[in-house]
Amino acid sequence: MTVRLSLISDVPLGALLSGGIDSSAVVALMRRLTSGPVRTFSIGFENPEYDELAYARHVARRFETDHHELVVKPDAANLLPRLIWHYNEPFADSSALPSFSLCEMARGSVTVALNGGGGDEAFIGYDCYLATVLGGKYDQIPAPVRGGLLRGAGFLPGGSPKSLAYRFRRFAEALALDPRRRYARWLTSFENEQKEELYTPDSAAQVGHLDSLRLLEAAYEASDAPNFLEATVHSDVQLYLPDDLLVKMDIASMAHSLEVRSPFLDHHVVEFAAALPISGCGACSCWSSGSGCSSINPVRLRLPPHVGSRLVDVTTEIAASRRQR
């Protein structure tokens, strides 16, 4: 019903297709609800570690969409003056650049576009939520053993930011922190000490005494969630979603007079997701497990195997986390 309502338009309409599960599901439902081909728009990168066009192409072929692609190249940094003008404030999400280019491309063909925004928050789909559960498991290990694991993490290779070695090292280096600070460390690029080294004297005088992580801690403190995982999702809904993701896409789209609609953020969908047992969600296990999400499984079955194979089923881990609250 949500996608059906989002399709109401008297101007050309399409979809922003990342190749991930959320936008792919939206495209699958759009194809089911419309008679003609769906216009889809995807962004890629020359660096194969960051490029996911292959997944988007699989979805586009599966649903026979009118597919458009754009590869962001290193000279895209020339767009920064335009981004600075439109965002008009410090904005630290580097994906604003490809989002800006994606909206510009889409506006050449459509006036309205649907996307998969909000799906990861609603259905607990981020990898960092799995990391949160695993961090809770780590906290149950006897202290001497935990210390050995942390010392061993220091010998792990760095690698590129997308490599498994780098991600595991980043995960391990934060394990010694309080769970709330641990999650914040996984989300941020700079610690307070590093930011202080970058401040000009004037900036340091104004903000140097502030601890930006207190915003996240305050969101945790305001949450009445029954366990830490759900409190983490709550904090993202209060901060990351409205202050980063939605701002990023709203400005990028409005800069090109493109209206972007997010079916996953319809309150009916969010309320449905919130009512699900947490054993039926978690790092997209809603899509890969059979429990708790029978209404979503028909969509999953319509997706190409190449997309479905990316899903990680952590239902057991998530359910265990809830039982231990």
Protein backbone atom coordinates (compact mmCIF):
# COMPACT_ATOMS: atom_id res chain seq x y z
CA MET A 1 0.00 0.00 0.00
CA THR A 2 2.82 2.42 0.87
CA VAL A 3 4.56 1.99 -2.47
CA ARG A 4 1.22 2.21 -4.25
CA LEU A 5 0.54 5.57 -2.59
CA SER A 6 4.06 6.76 -3.39
CA LEU A 7 3.40 6.06 -7.06
CA ILE A 8 0.63 8.66 -7.24
CA SER A 9 2.06 11.38 -9.46
CA ASP A 10 1.10 13.50 -12.44
CA VAL A 11 4.76 13.90 -13.46
CA PRO A 12 7.39 11.36 -14.61
CA LEU A 13 8.44 9.01 -11.80
CA GLY A 14 11.32 6.58 -11.23
CA ALA A 15 13.50 5.00 -8.54
CA LEU A 16 16.97 5.54 -7.11
CA LEU A 17 18.42 2.03 -7.19
CA SER A 18 21.53 1.33 -5.13
CA GLY A 19 21.46 -2.42 -5.62
CA GLY A 20 20.91 -2.94 -1.90
CA ILE A 21 17.98 -4.86 -0.49
CA ASP A 22 15.83 -1.83 0.39
CA SER A 23 15.83 0.04 -2.91
CA SER A 24 15.65 -3.30 -4.76
CA ALA A 25 12.51 -4.23 -2.85
CA VAL A 26 10.97 -0.86 -3.72
CA VAL A 27 11.73 -1.41 -7.41
CA ALA A 28 10.27 -4.93 -7.23
CA LEU A 29 7.02 -3.57 -5.83
CA MET A 30 6.95 -0.69 -8.31
CA ARG A 31 7.24 -3.16 -11.17
CA ARG A 32 4.43 -5.21 -9.71
CA LEU A 33 2.16 -2.17 -9.36
CA THR A 34 2.81 -0.50 -12.71
CA SER A 35 2.22 -1.53 -16.29
CA GLY A 36 5.21 0.01 -18.04
CA PRO A 37 8.95 -0.23 -17.33
CA VAL A 38 10.20 1.50 -14.19
CA ARG A 39 12.91 4.11 -14.71
CA THR A 40 15.85 3.32 -12.39
CA PHE A 41 18.97 5.36 -11.66
CA SER A 42 22.20 4.08 -10.11
CA ILE A 43 25.56 5.53 -9.19
CA GLY A 44 28.90 3.71 -9.35
CA PHE A 45 32.60 4.24 -8.70
CA GLU A 46 35.80 3.45 -10.55
CA ASN A 47 37.19 1.82 -7.41
CA PRO A 48 35.71 -1.71 -7.43
CA GLU A 49 35.71 -1.85 -3.61
CA TYR A 50 33.03 0.83 -3.55
CA ASP A 51 31.23 0.06 -6.79
CA GLU A 52 27.91 -1.81 -6.50
CA LEU A 53 26.57 -1.25 -9.99
CA ALA A 54 26.67 -4.99 -10.66
CA TYR A 55 23.94 -5.56 -8.07
CA ALA A 56 21.85 -2.71 -9.45
CA ARG A 57 22.18 -4.15 -12.96
CA HIS A 58 20.95 -7.55 -11.77
CA VAL A 59 17.86 -5.92 -10.29
CA ALA A 60 17.32 -3.79 -13.39
CA ARG A 61 17.50 -6.84 -15.65
CA ARG A 62 15.24 -8.88 -13.40
CA PHE A 63 12.49 -6.27 -13.48
CA GLU A 64 13.20 -5.03 -17.01
CA THR A 65 13.62 -1.41 -15.95
CA ASP A 66 14.64 1.55 -18.06
CA HIS A 67 18.02 1.70 -16.35
CA HIS A 68 20.45 4.64 -16.20
CA GLU A 69 23.93 4.68 -14.65
CA LEU A 70 26.60 7.21 -13.78
CA VAL A 71 30.14 6.46 -12.59
CA VAL A 72 31.57 9.02 -10.17
CA LYS A 73 35.20 9.76 -11.04
CA PRO A 74 37.97 11.42 -9.02
CA ASP A 75 37.38 14.76 -10.73
CA ALA A 76 33.96 14.80 -9.05
CA ALA A 77 35.68 16.85 -6.35
CA ASN A 78 35.06 19.76 -8.70
CA LEU A 79 31.45 19.55 -7.48
CA LEU A 80 32.46 20.59 -3.97
CA PRO A 81 31.86 24.34 -4.52
CA ARG A 82 28.30 23.56 -5.62
CA LEU A 83 27.75 21.26 -2.65
CA ILE A 84 29.06 23.91 -0.27
CA TRP A 85 26.63 26.43 -1.72
CA HIS A 86 23.64 24.11 -1.43
CA TYR A 87 24.40 22.54 1.96
CA ASN A 88 25.42 25.93 3.37
CA GLU A 89 26.84 24.41 6.57
CA PRO A 90 29.47 21.86 7.57
CA PHE A 91 28.25 18.45 6.44
CA ALA A 92 30.52 15.50 7.09
CA ASP A 93 28.85 12.72 5.08
CA SER A 94 31.03 12.13 2.03
CA SER A 95 28.19 10.30 0.26
CA ALA A 96 26.59 13.71 -0.28
CA LEU A 97 28.74 13.96 -3.40
CA PRO A 98 27.45 10.82 -5.20
CA SER A 99 23.92 11.56 -3.94
CA PHE A 100 24.11 14.99 -5.54
CA SER A 101 25.27 13.49 -8.84
CA LEU A 102 22.63 10.75 -8.70
CA CYS A 103 19.81 13.26 -8.22
CA GLU A 104 21.16 15.41 -11.02
CA MET A 105 21.12 12.43 -13.39
CA ALA A 106 17.65 11.31 -12.32
CA ARG A 107 16.18 14.78 -12.77
CA GLY A 108 17.11 14.60 -16.42
CA SER A 109 14.37 11.99 -16.87
CA VAL A 110 11.94 12.18 -13.94
CA THR A 111 10.54 14.67 -11.45
CA VAL A 112 9.76 12.20 -8.64
CA ALA A 113 11.88 9.27 -7.47
CA LEU A 114 11.36 6.58 -4.83
CA ASN A 115 14.27 5.28 -2.78
CA GLY A 116 15.00 2.78 -0.01
CA GLY A 117 15.79 5.32 2.70
CA GLY A 118 14.85 4.25 6.22
CA GLY A 119 14.78 0.52 5.56
CA ASP A 120 17.92 -0.23 7.56
CA GLU A 121 16.64 1.68 10.56
CA ALA A 122 13.15 0.17 10.41
CA PHE A 123 14.30 -3.43 9.97
CA ILE A 124 17.67 -3.32 11.79
CA GLY A 125 19.70 -3.80 8.64
CA TYR A 126 23.05 -2.09 9.25
CA ASP A 127 26.19 -4.15 9.80
CA CYS A 128 26.91 -2.02 12.86
CA TYR A 129 23.81 -3.49 14.51
CA LEU A 130 25.34 -6.92 14.13
CA ALA A 131 28.57 -5.48 15.54
CA THR A 132 26.57 -4.21 18.53
CA VAL A 133 25.26 -7.71 19.22
CA LEU A 134 28.73 -9.23 18.85
CA GLY A 135 30.10 -6.53 21.16
CA GLY A 136 27.60 -7.64 23.78
CA LYS A 137 28.87 -11.21 23.39
CA TYR A 138 32.42 -9.96 23.87
CA ASP A 139 31.45 -8.25 27.13
CA GLN A 140 30.46 -11.64 28.54
CA ILE A 141 33.94 -13.10 27.99
CA PRO A 142 36.15 -13.24 31.14
CA ALA A 143 38.33 -10.14 31.48
CA PRO A 144 41.74 -11.87 31.06
CA VAL A 145 40.60 -13.42 27.79
CA ARG A 146 39.17 -10.08 26.57
CA GLY A 147 42.53 -8.42 27.25
CA GLY A 148 44.31 -10.98 25.11
CA LEU A 149 41.90 -10.46 22.25
CA LEU A 150 42.41 -6.69 22.38
CA ARG A 151 46.20 -7.05 22.35
CA GLY A 152 45.94 -9.36 19.36
CA ALA A 153 43.80 -6.83 17.48
CA GLY A 154 46.74 -4.44 17.43
CA PHE A 155 48.64 -6.83 15.17
CA LEU A 156 45.92 -7.02 12.56
CA PRO A 157 46.74 -5.48 9.17
CA GLY A 158 45.07 -2.19 8.27
CA GLY A 159 44.01 -2.70 4.68
CA SER A 160 41.59 -0.54 2.77
CA PRO A 161 38.48 0.79 4.54
CA LYS A 162 36.30 -1.77 2.76
CA SER A 163 38.52 -4.77 3.53
CA LEU A 164 37.47 -7.36 6.08
CA ALA A 165 40.76 -6.93 7.95
CA TYR A 166 40.27 -3.18 8.33
CA ARG A 167 36.67 -3.55 9.44
CA PHE A 168 37.54 -6.22 11.99
CA ARG A 169 40.39 -4.14 13.38
CA ARG A 170 38.12 -1.11 13.68
CA PHE A 171 35.57 -3.32 15.42
CA ALA A 172 38.14 -4.72 17.83
CA GLU A 173 39.80 -1.42 18.68
CA ALA A 174 36.55 -0.06 20.13
CA LEU A 175 35.68 -3.10 22.23
CA ALA A 176 37.37 -1.75 25.36
CA LEU A 177 34.98 1.22 25.44
CA ASP A 178 31.61 1.55 27.13
CA PRO A 179 28.96 0.10 24.74
CA ARG A 180 27.55 3.54 23.91
CA ARG A 181 30.98 5.04 23.23
CA ARG A 182 31.89 1.89 21.35
CA TYR A 183 29.02 2.36 18.93
CA ALA A 184 29.89 6.04 18.55
CA ARG A 185 33.47 5.11 17.71
CA TRP A 186 32.28 2.80 14.95
CA LEU A 187 30.22 5.63 13.47
CA THR A 188 32.79 8.42 13.57
CA SER A 189 35.94 9.18 11.61
CA PHE A 190 37.66 11.42 14.17
CA GLU A 191 38.03 11.19 17.93
CA ASN A 192 37.76 14.36 20.01
CA GLU A 193 41.54 14.62 20.36
CA GLN A 194 42.02 14.42 16.60
CA LYS A 195 39.42 17.11 15.98
CA GLU A 196 41.09 19.41 18.46
CA GLU A 197 44.31 19.17 16.43
CA LEU A 198 42.42 20.44 13.37
CA TYR A 199 40.62 23.37 15.00
CA THR A 200 41.75 26.90 14.39
CA PRO A 201 42.15 28.93 17.60
CA ASP A 202 38.78 30.60 17.00
CA SER A 203 37.03 27.28 16.42
CA ALA A 204 38.68 25.72 19.46
CA ALA A 205 37.48 28.61 21.61
CA GLN A 206 33.88 28.03 20.47
CA VAL A 207 33.57 24.26 20.29
CA GLY A 208 36.78 22.76 21.64
CA HIS A 209 35.21 22.09 25.04
CA LEU A 210 32.26 20.19 23.57
CA ASP A 211 32.05 16.42 23.46
CA SER A 212 30.03 15.63 20.36
CA LEU A 213 29.45 12.07 21.55
CA ARG A 214 27.27 13.43 24.34
CA LEU A 215 24.54 13.86 21.70
CA LEU A 216 24.53 10.12 21.15
CA GLU A 217 24.69 9.35 24.85
CA ALA A 218 21.73 11.65 25.46
CA ALA A 219 19.72 9.75 22.82
CA TYR A 220 20.51 6.49 24.59
CA GLU A 221 19.48 7.97 27.94
CA ALA A 222 16.17 9.15 26.48
CA SER A 223 15.34 5.72 25.05
CA ASP A 224 13.01 3.35 26.88
CA ALA A 225 14.04 0.40 24.68
CA PRO A 226 14.20 -2.95 26.52
CA ASN A 227 17.76 -3.77 25.40
CA PHE A 228 20.88 -2.12 24.06
CA LEU A 229 20.38 -3.12 20.43
CA GLU A 230 16.94 -1.55 20.26
CA ALA A 231 18.24 1.53 22.11
CA THR A 232 20.92 1.80 19.43
CA VAL A 233 18.31 1.70 16.67
CA HIS A 234 16.34 4.33 18.60
CA SER A 235 19.39 6.60 18.76
CA ASP A 236 19.87 6.29 14.99
CA VAL A 237 16.23 7.17 14.37
CA GLN A 238 16.65 10.22 16.58
CA LEU A 239 20.02 11.40 15.21
CA TYR A 240 21.59 9.65 12.21
CA LEU A 241 18.42 9.36 10.12
CA PRO A 242 17.01 12.91 10.50
CA ASP A 243 20.27 14.82 10.96
CA ASP A 244 22.36 13.09 8.29
CA LEU A 245 20.62 10.78 5.84
CA LEU A 246 17.43 12.75 5.31
CA VAL A 247 19.24 16.09 5.23
CA LYS A 248 21.71 14.73 2.69
CA MET A 249 19.06 13.47 0.30
CA ASP A 250 16.67 16.38 0.80
CA ILE A 251 19.29 18.97 -0.13
CA ALA A 252 20.79 16.87 -2.95
CA SER A 253 17.37 16.31 -4.50
CA MET A 254 15.96 19.80 -4.01
CA ALA A 255 19.10 21.26 -5.59
CA HIS A 256 17.82 19.70 -8.81
CA SER A 257 14.07 20.13 -8.19
CA LEU A 258 13.70 16.37 -7.73
CA GLU A 259 11.16 15.07 -5.22
CA VAL A 260 12.41 11.92 -3.46
CA ARG A 261 9.93 9.71 -1.61
CA SER A 262 10.90 7.04 0.94
CA PRO A 263 8.20 4.35 1.31
CA PHE A 264 10.04 2.73 4.22
CA LEU A 265 9.51 5.90 6.26
CA ASP A 266 5.74 5.78 5.95
CA HIS A 267 4.48 5.59 9.53
CA HIS A 268 2.51 2.43 8.78
CA VAL A 269 5.72 0.65 7.72
CA VAL A 270 7.69 1.96 10.71
CA GLU A 271 4.94 0.94 13.12
CA PHE A 272 4.75 -2.50 11.51
CA ALA A 273 8.52 -2.95 11.83
CA ALA A 274 8.48 -1.76 15.45
CA ALA A 275 5.83 -4.34 16.30
CA LEU A 276 7.84 -7.26 14.90
CA PRO A 277 9.65 -9.57 17.34
CA ILE A 278 13.30 -8.66 17.20
CA SER A 279 14.06 -12.31 16.44
CA GLY A 280 12.51 -11.65 13.04
CA CYS A 281 14.86 -8.80 12.18
CA GLY A 282 18.52 -7.92 12.44
CA ALA A 283 21.04 -7.19 9.71
CA CYS A 284 18.31 -7.91 7.16
CA SER A 285 17.47 -11.33 8.58
CA CYS A 286 13.85 -10.27 8.04
CA TRP A 287 14.53 -11.03 4.41
CA SER A 288 16.52 -14.23 4.79
CA SER A 289 14.78 -15.96 7.71
CA GLY A 290 11.33 -17.43 7.75
CA SER A 291 10.22 -16.04 11.11
CA GLY A 292 8.41 -12.85 11.84
CA CYS A 293 8.47 -11.39 8.36
CA SER A 294 6.18 -13.50 6.20
CA SER A 295 4.73 -10.38 4.63
CA ILE A 296 8.17 -9.39 3.36
CA ASN A 297 9.34 -12.78 2.13
CA PRO A 298 7.28 -12.57 -1.11
CA VAL A 299 9.30 -9.48 -2.02
CA ARG A 300 12.55 -11.27 -1.22
CA LEU A 301 11.57 -14.12 -3.52
CA ARG A 302 11.19 -11.64 -6.38
CA LEU A 303 14.74 -10.33 -6.00
CA PRO A 304 17.67 -11.72 -8.01
CA PRO A 305 19.79 -14.31 -6.17
CA HIS A 306 22.82 -12.00 -6.57
CA VAL A 307 21.06 -9.47 -4.34
CA GLY A 308 19.54 -11.97 -1.95
CA SER A 309 22.93 -13.62 -1.38
CA ARG A 310 24.20 -10.41 0.23
CA LEU A 311 21.84 -10.83 3.18
CA VAL A 312 23.23 -12.02 6.50
CA ASP A 313 20.95 -13.99 8.80
CA VAL A 314 21.79 -13.15 12.40
CA THR A 315 18.41 -14.08 13.85
CA THR A 316 19.91 -16.39 16.47
CA GLU A 317 22.35 -13.73 17.70
CA ILE A 318 19.66 -11.04 17.89
CA ALA A 319 17.20 -13.32 19.67
CA ALA A 320 19.87 -14.28 22.20
CA SER A 321 20.55 -10.60 22.85
CA ARG A 322 16.92 -10.01 23.67
CA ARG A 323 16.64 -13.04 25.96
CA GLN A 324 19.56 -11.72 28.00
CA ARG A 325 18.01 -8.31 28.75
